[in-house]
Amino acid sequence: MITLYGIPNCDTVKKARAWLDTHALPYSFHDFKKAGVPADRLATWTQILGWEKVLNRQGTTWRKLDAATQASVTDAASAQAVMLAHASTVKRPVVEWGGDVLTVGFSPDAWADKIPG
């Protein structure tokens, strides 16, 4: 089962959900705003992909953080602490395709090979 993690009003998440619907791929949606960022999953994502890829340093939430908080992010543990405290600093969407197959962000070309059969 595919699990898509993100925020429902995020434009990229909307595009990703529409793509999955168009390709008739069933998925569950985990809303960071309602359910938070799951700490155990975040640890796995940063382990597999690297915290630099999971942390969104381009977004509004990151830019609104004070300089000391931004400067405190120097490794996986500090990045995870910020992402758990500020869910919108997680790059979206994070998609678990099954097993250890993960993607961050939305790319129709990269996702095309995820369609079974």
Protein backbone atom coordinates (compact mmCIF):
# COMPACT_ATOMS: atom_id res chain seq x y z
CA MET A 1 0.00 0.00 0.00
CA ILE A 2 1.26 3.45 -0.93
CA THR A 3 1.32 6.04 1.83
CA LEU A 4 1.56 9.71 0.91
CA TYR A 5 2.62 12.11 3.66
CA GLY A 6 2.05 15.83 3.45
CA ILE A 7 -0.26 18.77 3.94
CA PRO A 8 -3.56 18.84 2.02
CA ASN A 9 -3.34 22.48 0.94
CA CYS A 10 0.21 22.14 -0.44
CA ASP A 11 0.13 22.55 -4.23
CA THR A 12 2.73 19.83 -4.75
CA VAL A 13 0.78 17.41 -2.58
CA LYS A 14 -2.38 18.24 -4.54
CA LYS A 15 -0.57 17.44 -7.82
CA ALA A 16 0.79 14.21 -6.37
CA ARG A 17 -2.62 13.08 -5.13
CA ALA A 18 -4.19 13.90 -8.49
CA TRP A 19 -1.46 11.90 -10.27
CA LEU A 20 -2.08 8.88 -8.05
CA ASP A 21 -5.84 9.18 -8.62
CA THR A 22 -5.39 9.50 -12.38
CA HIS A 23 -3.29 6.33 -12.41
CA ALA A 24 -5.83 4.52 -10.18
CA LEU A 25 -3.20 3.79 -7.56
CA PRO A 26 -4.75 3.28 -4.12
CA TYR A 27 -2.99 5.13 -1.31
CA SER A 28 -3.50 6.36 2.19
CA PHE A 29 -2.89 10.00 3.04
CA HIS A 30 -1.16 11.04 6.25
CA ASP A 31 -1.90 14.68 7.04
CA PHE A 32 0.99 16.32 8.90
CA LYS A 33 -1.31 19.10 10.14
CA LYS A 34 -3.80 16.71 11.74
CA ALA A 35 -1.66 13.71 12.68
CA GLY A 36 1.80 15.27 12.97
CA VAL A 37 5.05 13.94 11.59
CA PRO A 38 5.53 10.34 12.74
CA ALA A 39 8.89 10.31 14.53
CA ASP A 40 9.63 6.68 13.69
CA ARG A 41 8.95 7.23 9.98
CA LEU A 42 10.97 10.47 9.94
CA ALA A 43 13.94 8.60 11.40
CA THR A 44 13.64 5.99 8.64
CA TRP A 45 13.31 8.63 5.91
CA THR A 46 16.39 10.50 7.06
CA GLN A 47 18.32 7.25 7.39
CA ILE A 48 17.43 6.08 3.88
CA LEU A 49 17.40 9.40 2.01
CA GLY A 50 19.58 11.63 4.18
CA TRP A 51 18.26 14.49 6.30
CA GLU A 52 19.41 17.05 3.73
CA LYS A 53 16.93 15.67 1.20
CA VAL A 54 14.01 15.47 3.64
CA LEU A 55 14.44 18.93 5.20
CA ASN A 56 12.85 21.71 3.13
CA ARG A 57 15.11 24.74 3.44
CA GLN A 58 13.34 26.54 0.58
CA GLY A 59 9.91 26.90 2.15
CA THR A 60 8.25 29.73 4.02
CA THR A 61 8.29 27.88 7.34
CA TRP A 62 12.08 27.44 7.22
CA ARG A 63 12.60 31.09 6.27
CA LYS A 64 10.43 32.19 9.21
CA LEU A 65 12.51 30.22 11.73
CA ASP A 66 14.95 32.31 13.73
CA ALA A 67 18.59 32.23 12.70
CA ALA A 68 19.62 30.28 15.81
CA THR A 69 17.15 27.48 15.02
CA GLN A 70 18.29 27.34 11.42
CA ALA A 71 21.95 27.30 12.49
CA SER A 72 21.26 24.50 14.98
CA VAL A 73 20.52 22.06 12.15
CA THR A 74 23.83 20.34 11.59
CA ASP A 75 23.04 16.62 11.54
CA ALA A 76 20.21 14.10 11.33
CA ALA A 77 19.21 14.41 14.99
CA SER A 78 18.99 18.21 14.95
CA ALA A 79 17.18 18.20 11.59
CA GLN A 80 14.65 15.66 12.87
CA ALA A 81 14.03 17.78 15.98
CA VAL A 82 13.21 20.81 13.83
CA MET A 83 11.03 18.77 11.44
CA LEU A 84 9.09 17.26 14.35
CA ALA A 85 8.54 20.70 15.87
CA HIS A 86 7.69 22.34 12.54
CA ALA A 87 5.94 19.84 10.25
CA SER A 88 6.02 22.20 7.27
CA THR A 89 9.82 21.94 7.15
CA VAL A 90 9.48 18.39 5.81
CA LYS A 91 9.81 18.42 2.03
CA ARG A 92 6.54 17.26 0.50
CA PRO A 93 5.23 14.89 -0.38
CA VAL A 94 7.05 11.96 1.14
CA VAL A 95 5.77 8.76 -0.44
CA GLU A 96 6.34 5.26 0.85
CA TRP A 97 5.81 2.99 -2.15
CA GLY A 98 6.28 -0.22 -0.18
CA GLY A 99 9.31 -1.81 1.38
CA ASP A 100 12.14 0.70 1.61
CA VAL A 101 11.15 2.50 -1.60
CA LEU A 102 10.74 6.21 -0.84
CA THR A 103 10.45 9.39 -2.81
CA VAL A 104 10.42 13.00 -1.68
CA GLY A 105 8.78 15.65 -3.82
CA PHE A 106 6.68 15.09 -6.90
CA SER A 107 8.04 14.09 -10.28
CA PRO A 108 5.71 12.40 -12.78
CA ASP A 109 8.72 11.00 -14.66
CA ALA A 110 10.28 9.49 -11.54
CA TRP A 111 6.94 8.15 -10.37
CA ALA A 112 6.06 6.50 -13.70
CA ASP A 113 8.21 3.46 -12.92
CA LYS A 114 6.31 2.96 -9.67
CA ILE A 115 3.15 1.90 -11.52
CA PRO A 116 2.79 -1.85 -11.17
CA GLY A 117 2.46 -4.06 -14.20
